[in-house]
Amino acid sequence: MSQNDKKIAFIELGEFLRQFSATNSVKSKNVLHNDLFFDDFISLINLSQSHNGWYTNENVHFSINSWAEALTQENLDKWLSNYNFTKFNPKTIALILAGNIPLVGFHDFLSVLISGHKVLIKTSSNDQHLLPFLAKYLIVVEPELNNYITFVEGKLENFDAVIATGSDNTARYFEYYFKDKPSIIRKNRNSVAVLDGSESKDQMIALGEDIFRYFGLGCRNVSKIFIPKNYNFDLFFNGMFPYQVVIKYEKYANNYDYNKAVFLMSNFNLLDNEFLIIKEDSSYSSPISSVFYEFYDDINDIKNRLETDKDKIQCIVSNNLVENSISFGTTQKPKLWDYADNVDTIDFLIHL
């Protein structure tokens, strides 16, 4: 089975996903196998929050739409043109997927298949339905993919390499358990924003997207901001205001109430707008419904700090204040060539 055959299958999947919208899903006559999959996918989307309380209709659609935009001929060609696939030894790659946000493991799934390997997948208990459904669609489009895709519920066996995602604690277990296998082991990472007070209101609203999308559960969500001394928080809070609807979700509201109570009992000084808690803290990882902040005197100190801590950072957002930072509002819109933890997955796979 050629790489082009697989590429065509994923492009067809992109066309399928492009039909679905949180406001109005429209069935297209030009999309393959809609009679088998369209209505069932709508049902699955509507059931997603019952499978995982964090998987709201809006967030599931956001993930679907992001992949619809990514899976185009142009994007796939641009991504894959940087690699030489001629010298290649097909293997079986085990994937241990996270479930913090919808379809969070899809990029690894795509990378393994498009590079020519077989994939052995252990889904998270928090996301057991979306990826298997899309895999079924791919197999109907290209039946030979059935020989390349296997989902397992029990112990992973008979594989040559592994890509595993988890917390720092589970990563230590993965590193020990898979010590004899080539591996990519992903640990906790967080994303940060570096502000200097000159940002526009629109940029602060976009920063709210980086903070609140998926309720802040992703490693690409901003959980920490660096700000200059005497920073005026008014612009920041005005930017956050459009996202106040998050407090209407019970799971988020429960986290907000709990974390606020814990912070107050510890006598921390807080800034609070009734749906987001801002706390001064040197840590990168803030609890759900909160963002940590830290003051700086010299932007160069922050640049040095972030370089030192680069293994803890997924994304840096700024108005070109820091090298390799990205624009406000784009953390949850990575391109195919934007690799998690800056580890080139395709390069890893083609050199096994």
Protein backbone atom coordinates (compact mmCIF):
# COMPACT_ATOMS: atom_id res chain seq x y z
CA MET A 1 0.00 0.00 0.00
CA SER A 2 1.57 3.28 -1.09
CA GLN A 3 1.91 6.43 0.95
CA ASN A 4 -0.17 8.20 -1.68
CA ASP A 5 -3.04 5.75 -1.09
CA LYS A 6 -2.96 6.58 2.61
CA LYS A 7 -2.69 10.28 1.88
CA ILE A 8 -5.80 10.11 -0.30
CA ALA A 9 -7.68 8.31 2.50
CA PHE A 10 -6.82 11.05 4.99
CA ILE A 11 -7.80 13.75 2.51
CA GLU A 12 -11.18 12.03 2.15
CA LEU A 13 -11.44 11.97 5.94
CA GLY A 14 -10.79 15.71 5.95
CA GLU A 15 -13.65 16.17 3.46
CA PHE A 16 -15.89 14.08 5.71
CA LEU A 17 -15.00 16.10 8.82
CA ARG A 18 -15.52 19.38 6.99
CA GLN A 19 -19.27 18.77 6.97
CA PHE A 20 -19.69 19.09 10.73
CA SER A 21 -20.28 22.33 12.57
CA ALA A 22 -21.47 23.23 16.05
CA THR A 23 -24.10 25.47 14.46
CA ASN A 24 -25.13 23.60 11.31
CA SER A 25 -23.86 20.26 9.96
CA VAL A 26 -24.63 19.88 6.26
CA LYS A 27 -24.48 16.53 4.48
CA SER A 28 -22.64 16.76 1.16
CA LYS A 29 -23.41 14.56 -1.82
CA ASN A 30 -19.74 14.64 -2.80
CA VAL A 31 -18.35 13.04 0.37
CA LEU A 32 -17.65 9.33 0.30
CA HIS A 33 -19.69 6.91 2.43
CA ASN A 34 -21.91 9.51 4.05
CA ASP A 35 -24.74 6.99 4.01
CA LEU A 36 -22.75 4.82 6.42
CA PHE A 37 -21.16 7.45 8.65
CA PHE A 38 -22.75 10.91 8.60
CA ASP A 39 -25.72 10.34 10.93
CA ASP A 40 -23.76 8.05 13.24
CA PHE A 41 -21.03 10.65 13.63
CA ILE A 42 -23.55 13.32 14.59
CA SER A 43 -24.92 10.91 17.20
CA LEU A 44 -21.42 10.21 18.52
CA ILE A 45 -20.65 13.93 18.79
CA ASN A 46 -23.89 14.49 20.69
CA LEU A 47 -23.01 11.63 23.07
CA SER A 48 -19.43 12.76 23.65
CA GLN A 49 -20.17 14.76 26.79
CA SER A 50 -21.87 11.71 28.33
CA HIS A 51 -18.67 9.76 27.69
CA ASN A 52 -16.46 12.54 29.07
CA GLY A 53 -17.96 15.53 30.87
CA TRP A 54 -15.26 17.84 29.50
CA TYR A 55 -16.07 16.95 25.88
CA THR A 56 -18.70 19.59 25.22
CA ASN A 57 -20.33 19.85 21.83
CA GLU A 58 -18.43 23.06 21.11
CA ASN A 59 -15.03 21.63 22.00
CA VAL A 60 -15.56 18.38 20.10
CA HIS A 61 -16.56 20.37 17.03
CA PHE A 62 -13.53 22.63 17.47
CA SER A 63 -11.23 19.61 17.38
CA ILE A 64 -13.05 18.11 14.39
CA ASN A 65 -12.89 21.41 12.49
CA SER A 66 -9.18 21.77 13.27
CA TRP A 67 -8.47 18.38 11.73
CA ALA A 68 -10.72 19.14 8.78
CA GLU A 69 -8.57 22.19 8.07
CA ALA A 70 -5.34 20.21 8.49
CA LEU A 71 -6.18 17.21 6.29
CA THR A 72 -5.84 18.78 2.88
CA GLN A 73 -3.66 17.84 -0.09
CA GLU A 74 -1.70 21.08 0.30
CA ASN A 75 -0.98 20.62 4.01
CA LEU A 76 -0.07 16.95 3.73
CA ASP A 77 2.26 17.61 0.78
CA LYS A 78 3.94 20.52 2.55
CA TRP A 79 4.42 18.46 5.72
CA LEU A 80 5.74 15.29 4.10
CA SER A 81 7.96 16.98 1.50
CA ASN A 82 10.63 17.51 4.18
CA TYR A 83 11.29 13.77 4.60
CA ASN A 84 12.87 10.94 2.66
CA PHE A 85 10.74 7.81 2.90
CA THR A 86 12.70 5.71 0.38
CA LYS A 87 14.85 3.79 2.88
CA PHE A 88 12.21 2.38 5.13
CA ASN A 89 11.60 -0.71 7.28
CA PRO A 90 7.91 -1.11 8.28
CA LYS A 91 7.32 -1.83 11.94
CA THR A 92 4.48 -1.93 14.44
CA ILE A 93 4.23 1.18 16.62
CA ALA A 94 2.32 1.15 19.89
CA LEU A 95 0.47 4.32 20.83
CA ILE A 96 -0.63 5.02 24.39
CA LEU A 97 -2.94 7.99 24.06
CA ALA A 98 -4.04 10.69 26.48
CA GLY A 99 -7.67 11.75 26.74
CA ASN A 100 -7.50 15.27 28.10
CA ILE A 101 -8.88 16.86 24.94
CA PRO A 102 -10.82 15.36 22.00
CA LEU A 103 -8.68 13.48 19.46
CA VAL A 104 -5.49 14.53 21.22
CA GLY A 105 -3.68 11.45 19.85
CA PHE A 106 -4.75 11.86 16.24
CA HIS A 107 -1.45 13.39 15.11
CA ASP A 108 0.51 10.37 16.33
CA PHE A 109 -2.03 8.07 14.67
CA LEU A 110 -1.68 9.96 11.39
CA SER A 111 2.13 10.10 11.63
CA VAL A 112 2.53 6.36 12.14
CA LEU A 113 0.26 5.42 9.26
CA ILE A 114 1.47 8.04 6.79
CA SER A 115 5.08 7.00 7.42
CA GLY A 116 4.25 3.40 6.47
CA HIS A 117 4.09 1.65 9.83
CA LYS A 118 1.32 -0.34 11.46
CA VAL A 119 -0.30 1.17 14.53
CA LEU A 120 -1.31 -0.59 17.74
CA ILE A 121 -3.48 1.77 19.78
CA LYS A 122 -4.42 1.86 23.43
CA THR A 123 -6.89 4.69 23.87
CA SER A 124 -7.47 6.61 27.07
CA SER A 125 -10.55 5.67 29.07
CA ASN A 126 -11.49 9.34 28.67
CA ASP A 127 -11.53 9.21 24.85
CA GLN A 128 -12.50 5.75 23.62
CA HIS A 129 -14.92 6.54 20.81
CA LEU A 130 -13.86 9.34 18.45
CA LEU A 131 -10.62 7.92 17.07
CA PRO A 132 -11.99 4.37 16.53
CA PHE A 133 -14.90 5.88 14.60
CA LEU A 134 -12.57 7.85 12.32
CA ALA A 135 -10.41 4.75 11.87
CA LYS A 136 -13.48 2.85 10.66
CA TYR A 137 -14.16 5.58 8.14
CA LEU A 138 -10.58 5.40 6.85
CA ILE A 139 -10.80 1.62 6.49
CA VAL A 140 -14.00 1.85 4.43
CA VAL A 141 -12.32 4.45 2.20
CA GLU A 142 -9.15 2.34 1.90
CA PRO A 143 -9.84 -1.28 3.02
CA GLU A 144 -6.17 -2.25 3.10
CA LEU A 145 -5.76 0.06 6.11
CA ASN A 146 -7.54 -2.65 8.10
CA ASN A 147 -4.20 -4.47 8.10
CA TYR A 148 -2.45 -1.44 9.56
CA ILE A 149 -4.76 -0.38 12.42
CA THR A 150 -5.39 -2.32 15.63
CA PHE A 151 -7.03 -1.12 18.84
CA VAL A 152 -6.30 -3.02 22.05
CA GLU A 153 -7.93 -2.87 25.47
CA GLY A 154 -5.54 -5.05 27.45
CA LYS A 155 -1.78 -5.44 27.49
CA LEU A 156 0.24 -4.12 24.58
CA GLU A 157 2.21 -6.90 22.90
CA ASN A 158 4.21 -7.54 19.73
CA PHE A 159 5.34 -4.03 18.86
CA ASP A 160 8.66 -2.52 17.85
CA ALA A 161 8.49 1.04 19.22
CA VAL A 162 6.17 3.13 21.34
CA ILE A 163 4.84 6.66 21.58
CA ALA A 164 3.26 7.27 24.97
CA THR A 165 1.71 10.35 26.51
CA GLY A 166 0.96 10.84 30.19
CA SER A 167 1.73 12.74 33.36
CA ASP A 168 5.21 13.03 34.84
CA ASN A 169 4.37 10.10 37.12
CA THR A 170 3.14 7.81 34.35
CA ALA A 171 6.06 8.88 32.17
CA ARG A 172 8.47 7.42 34.73
CA TYR A 173 6.56 4.14 34.51
CA PHE A 174 6.61 4.27 30.71
CA GLU A 175 10.36 4.94 30.66
CA TYR A 176 11.00 1.90 32.84
CA TYR A 177 8.49 -0.41 31.18
CA PHE A 178 9.59 0.46 27.62
CA LYS A 179 13.30 0.87 28.35
CA ASP A 180 14.20 -1.76 25.76
CA LYS A 181 12.13 -0.19 22.98
CA PRO A 182 12.71 2.92 20.86
CA SER A 183 10.28 5.45 22.27
CA ILE A 184 8.90 8.93 22.50
CA ILE A 185 7.65 9.49 26.04
CA ARG A 186 5.74 12.70 26.58
CA LYS A 187 5.44 14.26 30.03
CA ASN A 188 3.62 17.22 31.56
CA ARG A 189 4.16 20.48 29.71
CA ASN A 190 2.51 23.86 29.96
CA SER A 191 2.22 26.92 27.79
CA VAL A 192 2.93 30.49 28.79
CA ALA A 193 2.31 34.02 27.58
CA VAL A 194 4.77 36.87 27.89
CA LEU A 195 3.12 40.30 28.04
CA ASP A 196 4.55 43.81 28.19
CA GLY A 197 1.35 45.86 28.54
CA SER A 198 1.26 47.09 24.95
CA GLU A 199 -1.04 44.33 23.73
CA SER A 200 -4.33 45.29 22.11
CA LYS A 201 -7.77 44.34 23.38
CA ASP A 202 -8.16 41.96 20.45
CA GLN A 203 -4.91 40.24 21.38
CA MET A 204 -6.12 39.81 24.96
CA ILE A 205 -9.40 38.34 23.73
CA ALA A 206 -7.34 35.96 21.59
CA LEU A 207 -5.27 35.09 24.68
CA GLY A 208 -8.55 34.10 26.31
CA GLU A 209 -8.94 31.47 23.58
CA ASP A 210 -5.50 30.14 24.50
CA ILE A 211 -6.53 29.96 28.15
CA PHE A 212 -10.11 28.68 27.99
CA ARG A 213 -10.28 26.41 24.93
CA TYR A 214 -10.89 22.84 26.17
CA PHE A 215 -11.30 24.40 29.64
CA GLY A 216 -7.52 24.75 29.86
CA LEU A 217 -6.94 20.99 29.93
CA GLY A 218 -4.41 20.84 27.09
CA CYS A 219 -0.65 21.23 27.28
CA ARG A 220 -1.00 23.94 24.64
CA ASN A 221 -3.32 25.98 26.87
CA VAL A 222 -1.73 29.02 28.51
CA SER A 223 -1.55 28.41 32.25
CA LYS A 224 1.02 31.07 33.18
CA ILE A 225 1.63 34.69 32.19
CA PHE A 226 4.76 36.77 32.68
CA ILE A 227 4.07 40.47 33.15
CA PRO A 228 6.15 43.60 33.86
CA LYS A 229 6.11 45.27 37.26
CA ASN A 230 3.12 47.61 37.72
CA TYR A 231 1.18 45.76 35.01
CA ASN A 232 -2.42 46.96 34.71
CA PHE A 233 -4.69 43.91 34.82
CA ASP A 234 -7.72 45.78 33.49
CA LEU A 235 -6.91 45.01 29.85
CA PHE A 236 -6.27 41.37 30.70
CA PHE A 237 -9.59 40.95 32.50
CA ASN A 238 -11.45 42.79 29.74
CA GLY A 239 -10.01 40.27 27.31
CA MET A 240 -11.18 37.38 29.48
CA PHE A 241 -14.75 38.69 29.85
CA PRO A 242 -16.13 37.15 26.61
CA TYR A 243 -15.37 33.69 28.02
CA GLN A 244 -17.50 33.97 31.13
CA VAL A 245 -19.84 31.28 29.81
CA VAL A 246 -17.33 28.65 31.04
CA ILE A 247 -18.67 29.04 34.57
CA LYS A 248 -22.00 27.61 33.39
CA TYR A 249 -20.37 24.19 32.90
CA GLU A 250 -20.73 22.23 36.11
CA LYS A 251 -17.34 20.51 36.02
CA TYR A 252 -15.55 23.80 35.44
CA ALA A 253 -17.62 25.59 38.10
CA ASN A 254 -16.84 22.86 40.63
CA ASN A 255 -13.12 23.25 39.96
CA TYR A 256 -13.41 27.02 40.24
CA ASP A 257 -15.18 26.81 43.62
CA TYR A 258 -12.78 24.20 44.97
CA ASN A 259 -9.55 25.89 43.85
CA LYS A 260 -10.72 29.29 45.04
CA ALA A 261 -11.53 27.84 48.47
CA VAL A 262 -8.13 26.15 48.69
CA PHE A 263 -6.31 29.33 47.70
CA LEU A 264 -8.29 31.45 50.17
CA MET A 265 -7.74 29.03 53.05
CA SER A 266 -4.03 29.28 52.34
CA ASN A 267 -4.29 33.09 52.58
CA PHE A 268 -3.00 33.65 49.06
CA ASN A 269 -3.58 37.04 47.47
CA LEU A 270 -5.83 36.49 44.49
CA LEU A 271 -7.33 38.39 41.59
CA ASP A 272 -10.73 37.02 40.64
CA ASN A 273 -13.43 37.88 38.11
CA GLU A 274 -15.93 35.23 39.29
CA PHE A 275 -14.89 32.66 36.66
CA LEU A 276 -11.07 32.87 36.57
CA ILE A 277 -8.62 33.09 39.45
CA ILE A 278 -5.29 34.86 38.95
CA LYS A 279 -2.57 33.95 41.43
CA GLU A 280 1.08 34.99 41.70
CA ASP A 281 3.09 31.78 41.59
CA SER A 282 6.43 30.60 40.19
CA SER A 283 4.97 27.32 38.92
CA TYR A 284 3.97 26.79 35.30
CA SER A 285 1.10 24.41 35.99
CA SER A 286 -2.03 26.09 37.33
CA PRO A 287 -5.19 24.23 38.33
CA ILE A 288 -8.31 24.34 36.16
CA SER A 289 -10.06 27.74 36.36
CA SER A 290 -6.86 29.56 37.35
CA VAL A 291 -3.85 31.19 35.73
CA PHE A 292 -0.57 31.87 37.49
CA TYR A 293 1.38 35.06 36.92
CA GLU A 294 4.88 36.26 37.65
CA PHE A 295 6.42 39.72 37.42
CA TYR A 296 9.63 40.52 35.59
CA ASP A 297 11.99 43.51 35.51
CA ASP A 298 13.96 42.63 32.39
CA ILE A 299 12.55 40.73 29.40
CA ASN A 300 15.96 39.10 28.94
CA ASP A 301 15.53 37.40 32.30
CA ILE A 302 12.35 35.79 31.00
CA LYS A 303 14.03 34.72 27.77
CA ASN A 304 16.79 33.04 29.77
CA ARG A 305 14.28 31.46 32.16
CA LEU A 306 12.21 29.99 29.33
CA GLU A 307 15.31 28.66 27.59
CA THR A 308 16.41 26.99 30.83
CA ASP A 309 12.93 25.51 31.34
CA LYS A 310 12.28 24.61 27.70
CA ASP A 311 11.61 20.97 28.60
CA LYS A 312 8.64 22.15 30.67
CA ILE A 313 7.18 24.46 28.01
CA GLN A 314 4.97 23.51 25.08
CA CYS A 315 4.13 26.93 23.58
CA ILE A 316 5.14 30.52 24.22
CA VAL A 317 2.68 33.23 23.23
CA SER A 318 3.79 36.84 22.85
CA ASN A 319 3.75 39.86 20.59
CA ASN A 320 7.19 38.92 19.20
CA LEU A 321 8.76 39.52 22.61
CA VAL A 322 10.37 36.08 22.74
CA GLU A 323 12.05 34.11 19.98
CA ASN A 324 9.92 31.32 18.48
CA SER A 325 6.79 32.57 20.22
CA ILE A 326 3.44 32.28 18.44
CA SER A 327 0.56 34.67 17.99
CA PHE A 328 -2.24 35.13 20.50
CA GLY A 329 -5.16 32.79 19.91
CA THR A 330 -3.21 30.12 18.01
CA THR A 331 -2.03 27.65 20.64
CA GLN A 332 -4.81 25.16 19.89
CA LYS A 333 -4.39 25.52 16.13
CA PRO A 334 -1.10 23.71 15.43
CA LYS A 335 -0.03 22.83 11.91
CA LEU A 336 0.87 19.27 10.93
CA TRP A 337 4.55 20.19 11.24
CA ASP A 338 4.16 21.65 14.76
CA TYR A 339 5.29 18.70 16.85
CA ALA A 340 4.43 18.11 20.49
CA ASP A 341 7.43 18.70 22.77
CA ASN A 342 9.36 19.79 19.64
CA VAL A 343 10.11 16.12 18.93
CA ASP A 344 9.90 15.36 15.21
CA THR A 345 7.65 12.31 15.19
CA ILE A 346 8.09 11.54 11.50
CA ASP A 347 11.88 11.70 11.77
CA PHE A 348 11.70 9.27 14.70
CA LEU A 349 9.47 6.89 12.74
CA ILE A 350 11.44 6.79 9.49
CA HIS A 351 14.73 6.09 11.29
CA LEU A 352 13.57 3.10 13.32
